[in-house]
Protein backbone atom coordinates (compact mmCIF):
# COMPACT_ATOMS: atom_id res chain seq x y z
CA MET A 1 14.75 -0.01 4.43
CA SER A 2 13.74 2.60 6.91
CA GLU A 3 10.76 2.21 9.25
CA LYS A 4 9.02 4.93 7.29
CA GLU A 5 8.88 2.64 4.24
CA ASP A 6 6.65 0.13 6.01
CA TYR A 7 3.44 2.09 6.31
CA THR A 8 0.23 0.38 5.12
CA ARG A 9 -3.28 1.61 4.38
CA ASP A 10 -6.48 0.18 4.80
CA THR A 11 -9.62 0.35 2.63
CA GLY A 12 -12.66 2.50 2.93
CA PRO A 13 -15.67 1.11 4.71
CA GLN A 14 -19.30 1.54 3.92
CA GLY A 15 -22.46 2.12 5.91
CA GLU A 16 -24.05 -1.07 7.22
CA ASP A 17 -26.07 -2.55 10.06
CA GLY A 18 -24.12 -2.00 13.30
CA PRO A 19 -24.32 -3.59 16.71
CA GLN A 20 -27.88 -2.34 17.27
CA GLY A 21 -28.87 -3.47 13.78
CA ILE A 22 -29.75 -0.01 12.49
CA GLN A 23 -30.44 0.64 8.82
CA GLY A 24 -27.35 1.37 6.64
CA ILE A 25 -27.21 4.98 5.45
CA GLN A 26 -28.38 6.12 2.03
CA GLY A 27 -25.59 5.82 -0.56
CA GLU A 28 -25.18 8.60 -3.02
CA ASP A 29 -25.31 8.47 -6.80
CA GLY A 30 -22.00 7.59 -8.48
CA PRO A 31 -21.31 7.81 -12.18
CA GLN A 32 -23.77 4.98 -12.88
CA GLY A 33 -25.29 4.47 -9.42
CA ILE A 34 -28.06 1.82 -9.57
CA GLN A 35 -30.79 0.85 -7.19
CA GLY A 36 -29.92 -1.72 -4.53
CA ILE A 37 -31.92 -4.97 -4.94
CA GLN A 38 -33.83 -7.09 -2.51
CA GLY A 39 -31.61 -9.06 -0.13
CA ILE A 40 -32.00 -12.85 -0.19
CA GLN A 41 -31.20 -15.77 2.06
CA GLY A 42 -27.63 -15.35 3.31
CA GLU A 43 -25.14 -18.19 3.29
CA ASP A 44 -24.43 -19.49 6.75
CA GLY A 45 -21.67 -17.32 8.21
CA PRO A 46 -20.28 -17.54 11.71
CA GLN A 47 -23.76 -16.99 13.14
CA GLY A 48 -25.93 -18.02 10.14
CA ILE A 49 -27.27 -14.50 9.55
CA GLN A 50 -30.19 -13.74 7.23
CA GLY A 51 -29.79 -11.85 3.92
CA ILE A 52 -31.03 -8.25 4.33
CA GLN A 53 -32.52 -5.51 2.22
CA GLY A 54 -30.15 -4.04 -0.39
CA ILE A 55 -29.33 -0.33 -0.04
CA GLN A 56 -29.11 2.38 -2.67
CA GLY A 57 -26.02 1.69 -4.86
CA GLU A 58 -23.37 4.37 -4.50
CA ASP A 59 -21.36 3.62 -7.61
CA GLY A 60 -23.18 1.07 -9.69
CA GLU A 61 -21.11 -1.92 -8.61
CA ASP A 62 -22.11 -1.46 -4.97
CA GLY A 63 -25.89 -1.54 -5.49
CA VAL A 64 -26.32 -5.02 -3.97
CA PRO A 65 -27.31 -6.36 -0.57
CA ASP A 66 -24.92 -5.17 2.11
CA TYR A 67 -22.10 -7.71 2.02
CA PHE A 68 -20.47 -6.38 5.17
CA GLU A 69 -23.19 -8.26 7.06
CA THR A 70 -24.38 -11.03 4.75
CA GLY A 71 -21.90 -11.66 1.94
CA ILE A 72 -22.40 -10.38 -1.61
CA MET A 73 -25.78 -11.81 -2.68
CA ALA A 74 -25.05 -14.87 -0.56
CA GLY A 75 -26.59 -18.07 -1.86
CA VAL A 76 -26.78 -16.82 -5.45
CA LEU A 77 -23.08 -16.14 -5.97
CA HIS A 78 -21.75 -18.70 -3.52
CA CYS A 79 -20.58 -21.17 -6.17
CA THR A 80 -18.66 -18.61 -8.21
CA GLN A 81 -17.29 -16.92 -5.11
CA LYS A 82 -15.50 -20.10 -4.11
CA SER A 83 -12.77 -19.08 -6.55
CA TYR A 84 -12.51 -15.44 -5.44
CA GLY A 85 -8.95 -14.50 -4.53
CA LEU A 86 -7.49 -17.93 -5.34
CA ALA A 87 -5.43 -17.10 -8.44
CA TRP A 88 -3.46 -13.92 -9.06
CA ALA A 89 -2.04 -12.55 -12.32
CA ASP A 90 1.00 -10.28 -12.53
CA LEU A 91 0.05 -7.22 -14.61
CA GLY A 92 3.56 -5.81 -14.47
CA GLN A 93 5.15 -2.67 -13.06
CA LEU A 94 3.18 0.58 -12.83
CA GLY A 95 5.42 3.04 -14.65
CA ALA A 96 8.75 3.23 -12.84
CA ALA A 97 7.22 2.69 -9.39
CA PHE A 98 9.35 0.95 -6.78
CA SER A 99 6.29 0.01 -4.75
CA ILE A 100 2.52 0.29 -4.68
CA TYR A 101 1.76 1.38 -1.14
CA SER A 102 -1.98 2.01 -1.43
CA LEU A 103 -5.04 1.04 -3.46
CA ALA A 104 -8.66 2.23 -3.45
CA HIS A 105 -11.91 1.50 -5.27
CA LEU A 106 -14.15 4.41 -6.25
CA GLY A 107 -16.96 2.32 -7.70
CA ASN A 108 -17.97 1.49 -11.27
CA GLY A 109 -14.57 -0.07 -11.98
CA ILE A 110 -12.57 3.04 -11.10
CA ALA A 111 -9.46 2.28 -9.04
CA LEU A 112 -6.50 4.29 -7.75
CA ALA A 113 -2.96 3.21 -6.91
CA GLY A 114 -0.48 5.21 -4.82
CA THR A 115 3.23 4.66 -5.38
CA TYR A 116 6.83 5.29 -4.30
CA ALA A 117 9.40 6.79 -5.13
CA ASN A 118 7.95 9.72 -7.08
CA GLY A 119 4.68 10.10 -5.19
CA GLN A 120 2.58 9.24 -8.22
CA ILE A 121 -1.09 8.32 -8.42
CA PHE A 122 -2.25 5.94 -11.14
CA ARG A 123 -5.90 5.57 -12.19
CA SER A 124 -7.84 2.76 -13.84
CA THR A 125 -11.39 2.82 -15.23
CA ASP A 126 -11.58 -0.85 -16.27
CA TYR A 127 -11.25 -2.69 -12.96
CA GLY A 128 -7.47 -2.54 -12.91
CA LEU A 129 -6.68 -3.87 -16.37
CA THR A 130 -5.08 -0.67 -17.69
CA TRP A 131 -3.75 2.41 -15.88
CA THR A 132 -3.12 6.10 -16.51
CA ASP A 133 -0.26 7.89 -14.75
CA LEU A 134 -1.61 11.08 -13.13
CA GLY A 135 1.89 12.17 -12.20
CA PRO A 136 3.62 13.13 -8.94
CA GLN A 137 1.61 14.89 -6.25
CA GLY A 138 3.61 17.94 -5.25
CA ALA A 139 7.07 17.07 -3.97
CA GLU A 140 5.87 13.97 -2.09
CA GLN A 141 7.77 10.70 -2.31
CA ARG A 142 5.09 8.24 -1.24
CA ILE A 143 1.32 7.98 -1.55
CA TYR A 144 0.89 5.92 1.60
CA SER A 145 -2.90 5.85 1.84
CA LEU A 146 -5.97 6.24 -0.32
CA ALA A 147 -9.70 6.24 0.45
CA TYR A 148 -13.00 6.92 -1.28
CA ILE A 149 -15.57 8.82 0.80
CA GLY A 150 -18.44 9.20 -1.66
CA LYS A 151 -19.80 11.89 -4.00
CA GLY A 152 -16.81 11.40 -6.30
CA ILE A 153 -14.45 12.49 -3.51
CA ALA A 154 -11.20 10.61 -2.91
CA LEU A 155 -8.37 11.30 -0.45
CA ALA A 156 -4.65 10.56 -0.61
CA GLY A 157 -2.19 10.67 2.30
CA THR A 158 1.53 11.20 1.75
CA LEU A 159 5.06 11.09 3.06
CA THR A 160 7.47 12.97 3.35
CA ASN A 161 5.49 16.07 4.23
CA GLY A 162 2.42 14.54 5.87
CA LYS A 163 -0.05 16.02 3.40
CA ILE A 164 -3.59 15.16 2.41
CA PHE A 165 -4.58 15.56 -1.22
CA ARG A 166 -8.25 15.63 -2.26
CA SER A 167 -10.06 14.88 -5.50
CA THR A 168 -13.69 15.71 -6.28
CA ASP A 169 -13.82 14.13 -9.74
CA TYR A 170 -13.22 10.44 -9.02
CA GLY A 171 -9.46 10.80 -8.84
CA LEU A 172 -8.83 12.66 -12.09
CA THR A 173 -7.40 15.83 -10.52
CA TRP A 174 -6.06 16.55 -7.04
CA THR A 175 -5.84 19.52 -4.66
CA ASP A 176 -3.08 19.83 -2.04
CA LEU A 177 -4.67 20.46 1.39
CA GLY A 178 -1.28 20.88 3.02
CA GLN A 179 0.59 19.28 5.88
CA GLN A 180 -1.49 18.07 8.81
CA GLY A 181 0.01 19.55 11.98
CA ALA A 182 3.66 18.60 12.30
CA GLU A 183 3.12 15.09 10.95
CA THR A 184 5.35 13.77 8.19
CA GLY A 185 3.27 10.76 7.17
CA ILE A 186 -0.45 10.19 6.63
CA ASN A 187 -0.36 6.42 7.01
CA SER A 188 -4.06 5.51 6.87
CA LEU A 189 -7.43 6.90 5.81
CA ALA A 190 -10.98 5.70 6.46
CA ASP A 191 -14.50 6.65 5.47
CA MET A 192 -17.05 6.71 8.31
CA GLY A 193 -20.01 7.75 6.14
CA ASN A 194 -22.04 10.97 5.98
CA GLY A 195 -18.97 13.00 5.02
CA ILE A 196 -16.94 11.91 8.07
CA ALA A 197 -13.39 10.76 7.35
CA LEU A 198 -10.41 9.80 9.52
CA ALA A 199 -6.66 10.07 8.93
CA GLY A 200 -3.95 8.28 10.93
CA ALA A 201 -0.56 9.97 11.10
CA GLY A 202 3.01 9.85 12.38
CA PRO A 203 5.49 10.40 13.92
CA ASN A 204 3.31 11.83 16.69
CA GLY A 205 0.66 9.12 16.66
CA LYS A 206 -2.23 11.44 15.88
CA ILE A 207 -5.69 10.94 14.43
CA PHE A 208 -7.25 13.70 12.32
CA ARG A 209 -10.98 13.92 11.60
CA SER A 210 -13.05 15.63 8.91
CA THR A 211 -16.81 16.15 8.87
CA ASP A 212 -17.03 17.86 5.46
CA TYR A 213 -15.88 15.14 3.08
CA GLY A 214 -12.21 15.81 3.71
CA ALA A 215 -12.19 19.53 2.94
CA THR A 216 -10.98 20.51 6.44
CA TRP A 217 -9.45 18.51 9.28
CA THR A 218 -9.39 18.62 13.10
CA ASP A 219 -6.39 17.35 15.10
CA LEU A 220 -7.65 14.88 17.75
CA GLY A 221 -4.22 14.58 19.30
CA GLN A 222 -1.82 11.75 20.04
CA GLN A 223 -3.22 8.37 21.00
CA GLY A 224 -1.44 7.37 24.19
CA ALA A 225 2.30 7.38 23.63
CA GLU A 226 2.03 5.88 20.15
CA ILE A 227 4.24 7.04 17.29
CA ASP A 228 2.18 6.08 14.25
CA ILE A 229 -1.41 5.23 13.40
CA TYR A 230 -0.81 2.62 10.73
CA SER A 231 -4.34 1.37 10.11
CA LEU A 232 -7.97 2.47 10.36
CA THR A 233 -11.25 0.75 9.58
CA CYS A 234 -14.97 1.39 10.01
CA LEU A 235 -17.26 -1.28 11.48
CA GLY A 236 -20.52 0.59 10.96
CA ASN A 237 -22.85 2.35 13.39
CA GLY A 238 -20.12 4.86 14.24
CA ILE A 239 -17.61 2.23 15.39
CA ALA A 240 -14.00 2.56 14.18
CA LEU A 241 -10.72 0.85 15.01
CA ALA A 242 -7.16 2.21 14.83
CA GLY A 243 -3.93 0.18 14.84
CA THR A 244 -0.63 1.63 16.05
CA TYR A 245 3.15 1.53 16.30
CA ALA A 246 5.21 1.24 18.58
CA GLY A 247 2.91 -0.36 21.12
CA GLY A 248 1.09 -2.65 18.68
CA ARG A 249 -2.17 -1.36 20.12
CA VAL A 250 -5.80 -1.23 19.06
CA TYR A 251 -7.85 1.87 19.84
CA ARG A 252 -11.62 1.98 19.40
CA SER A 253 -14.17 4.72 18.80
CA ALA A 254 -17.95 4.39 19.11
CA ASP A 255 -18.82 7.96 18.07
CA TYR A 256 -17.65 8.15 14.46
CA GLY A 257 -14.04 8.80 15.46
CA ALA A 258 -14.63 11.81 17.71
CA THR A 259 -13.16 10.11 20.81
CA TRP A 260 -10.99 7.02 21.26
CA THR A 261 -10.49 4.31 23.90
CA TYR A 262 -7.42 2.10 24.28
CA ILE A 263 -8.42 -1.57 23.97
CA ARG A 264 -5.20 -3.61 24.21
CA GLN A 265 -1.84 -4.51 22.74
CA LEU A 266 -2.09 -7.43 20.33
CA GLY A 267 0.17 -10.02 21.92
CA ALA A 268 3.79 -8.93 21.84
CA GLU A 269 3.41 -7.24 18.46
CA THR A 270 4.67 -3.70 17.96
CA TYR A 271 2.91 -2.86 14.67
CA VAL A 272 -0.75 -3.21 13.73
CA HIS A 273 -0.22 -2.80 10.01
CA SER A 274 -3.73 -3.66 8.83
CA LEU A 275 -7.34 -3.80 9.96
CA ALA A 276 -10.41 -5.02 8.08
CA TYR A 277 -14.07 -5.55 8.84
CA LEU A 278 -15.67 -8.82 7.66
CA GLY A 279 -19.22 -8.16 8.80
CA ASN A 280 -21.36 -9.53 11.65
CA GLY A 281 -19.10 -7.90 14.23
CA ILE A 282 -15.98 -9.69 12.95
CA ALA A 283 -12.75 -7.71 12.53
CA VAL A 284 -9.24 -8.93 11.77
CA ALA A 285 -5.84 -7.32 12.33
CA GLY A 286 -2.47 -8.01 10.69
CA THR A 287 0.70 -7.42 12.71
CA ARG A 288 4.50 -7.29 12.89
CA PRO A 289 7.17 -8.48 13.81
CA ASN A 290 5.70 -11.97 14.15
CA GLY A 291 3.38 -11.93 11.14
CA LYS A 292 0.25 -12.74 13.10
CA ILE A 293 -3.44 -12.31 12.44
CA PHE A 294 -5.75 -11.46 15.32
CA ARG A 295 -9.53 -11.77 15.18
CA SER A 296 -12.42 -10.14 17.03
CA THR A 297 -16.07 -11.22 16.96
CA ASP A 298 -17.46 -8.39 19.12
CA TYR A 299 -16.71 -5.28 17.08
CA GLY A 300 -13.11 -4.98 18.29
CA LEU A 301 -13.65 -5.22 22.05
CA THR A 302 -11.76 -8.52 22.53
CA TRP A 303 -9.22 -10.28 20.31
CA THR A 304 -7.98 -13.84 19.67
CA ASP A 305 -4.44 -14.57 18.47
CA LEU A 306 -4.63 -16.83 15.38
CA GLY A 307 -0.86 -17.17 15.25
CA GLN A 308 1.87 -16.49 12.74
CA GLN A 309 1.05 -16.97 9.08
CA GLY A 310 3.66 -19.31 7.69
CA ALA A 311 7.12 -17.86 8.29
CA GLU A 312 6.02 -14.32 7.47
CA ALA A 313 7.07 -11.40 9.67
CA ARG A 314 4.44 -8.87 8.54
CA VAL A 315 0.79 -8.92 7.52
CA HIS A 316 0.64 -5.68 5.59
CA ALA A 317 -2.90 -5.64 4.17
CA ILE A 318 -6.23 -7.45 4.49
CA ALA A 319 -9.23 -7.18 2.16
CA TYR A 320 -12.72 -8.62 2.41
CA LEU A 321 -14.17 -10.17 -0.76
CA GLY A 322 -17.60 -10.99 0.64
CA ASN A 323 -19.33 -14.27 1.55
CA GLY A 324 -16.79 -14.94 4.33
CA ILE A 325 -13.80 -14.74 1.96
CA ALA A 326 -10.82 -12.58 2.93
CA VAL A 327 -7.25 -12.25 1.66
CA ALA A 328 -4.12 -11.07 3.48
CA SER A 329 -0.75 -10.02 2.05
CA THR A 330 2.63 -10.42 3.71
CA ALA A 331 6.38 -9.85 3.85
CA PRO A 332 9.22 -10.78 3.52
CA ASN A 333 8.14 -13.56 1.13
CA GLY A 334 5.44 -11.69 -0.78
CA LYS A 335 2.66 -14.18 -0.05
CA ILE A 336 -1.10 -14.04 -0.11
CA PHE A 337 -3.12 -15.94 2.47
CA ARG A 338 -6.83 -16.65 2.05
CA SER A 339 -9.70 -17.38 4.41
CA THR A 340 -13.16 -18.70 3.52
CA ASP A 341 -14.59 -18.77 7.07
CA TYR A 342 -14.61 -15.10 8.03
CA GLY A 343 -10.94 -15.01 8.99
CA LEU A 344 -10.95 -17.98 11.36
CA THR A 345 -8.48 -20.10 9.37
CA TRP A 346 -6.07 -19.13 6.59
CA THR A 347 -4.54 -20.96 3.60
CA ASP A 348 -1.11 -20.04 2.22
CA LEU A 349 -1.40 -19.34 -1.53
CA GLY A 350 2.36 -18.93 -1.82
CA GLN A 351 4.67 -16.20 -3.05
CA GLN A 352 3.22 -14.07 -5.81
CA GLY A 353 5.76 -13.81 -8.59
CA THR A 354 9.02 -12.25 -7.42
CA ASN A 355 7.39 -9.94 -4.89
CA THR A 356 8.98 -9.87 -1.45
CA TYR A 357 6.42 -7.46 -0.01
CA ILE A 358 2.78 -7.02 -0.95
CA TYR A 359 1.87 -3.73 0.66
CA SER A 360 -1.73 -3.19 -0.42
CA LEU A 361 -4.97 -4.98 -1.30
CA VAL A 362 -8.40 -3.80 -2.44
CA TYR A 363 -11.61 -5.47 -3.59
CA LEU A 364 -13.34 -4.00 -6.65
CA GLY A 365 -16.44 -6.21 -6.66
CA GLY A 366 -17.43 -8.95 -9.10
CA GLY A 367 -14.66 -11.21 -7.84
CA ILE A 368 -11.92 -8.76 -8.85
CA ALA A 369 -9.20 -7.86 -6.35
CA LEU A 370 -5.91 -6.00 -6.71
CA GLY A 371 -2.61 -6.23 -4.85
CA GLY A 372 0.38 -3.88 -4.85
CA GLY A 373 3.96 -5.17 -4.73
CA TYR A 374 7.44 -3.87 -3.92
CA ILE A 375 10.67 -3.57 -5.95
CA PRO A 376 9.51 -3.27 -8.55
CA GLY A 377 6.01 -1.92 -7.98
CA LYS A 378 4.08 -4.64 -9.71
CA LEU A 379 0.31 -4.88 -9.78
CA LEU A 380 -1.42 -8.16 -9.02
CA ARG A 381 -5.00 -8.90 -10.11
CA SER A 382 -7.36 -11.69 -9.16
CA ALA A 383 -10.56 -12.19 -11.17
């Protein structure tokens, strides 16, 4: 397997209370967008934070108190959430896909899956139970990254021609926006809110930025001497993190991705494959070649090494399921690890079927999560 086959995405963030505790931004109406409801007493997290006021639902499913900071309706759903992400069902191969590199949730049960080797996008409208093949996107081989940025607009990043594709109808149809600079891979995508989106690329280690919901993009240049931007995530209040190869570095932005500051290399790791935000200033990072998870409690400024996860060499994806529950997927033994204390400790749930790599994870709400496997490209579902 070539290095180019190891790219991993990360999932789109949402507006929430940032370090100064400002109000999350107004979500827009999705297909069945409903009104956010009154926040209630939050379950005790790392700092025992209080449930907060719900925000306007963007896509129906998301019209609940802001779980990035308090957990999804913490206290009410705590008992049922104890089982979230524990058991995973194998839904079988998506078409003839070798691997499922990327997954995204567009709200209201709509999900997308990006695959290799024919650069296909698959779409589900029933929370991942059944899927429609939307076909290859141009002449691309891999859909490496996917993100939802609101208003029905989704983005897809590809290899081998470093293109961004854009949909304005919840992933039904796609427009080719062309190659970004001289990059050959769009490895990661992230939503910063208010129409601002970020794209991480290689092999020149660049970050691209859009302020018009992904219609046009600005080249922000190479980050240090890095080759690839493997992962991106939004922490709210304009704060974003980027994870790189070959220096295994974390970069940080505090101005919605306009400028970036080098924070540090994560141990002796050379890849930061995945980044996720768990709320209350807590971020986690998954790395290679030693399969470690690192954790920050100050919005990515400092990091603690939590060690290797089992005997795994890579932590490819991390997803937050709310209420302090997170899941991480690995290689080369195709395992899922689970945390119930905001990423502080992790439990090995074992290999999932015959998968040797689980490249992607996404949370769809209501306790439903999806995972994407490799050779063949099988879909995993937890509900």
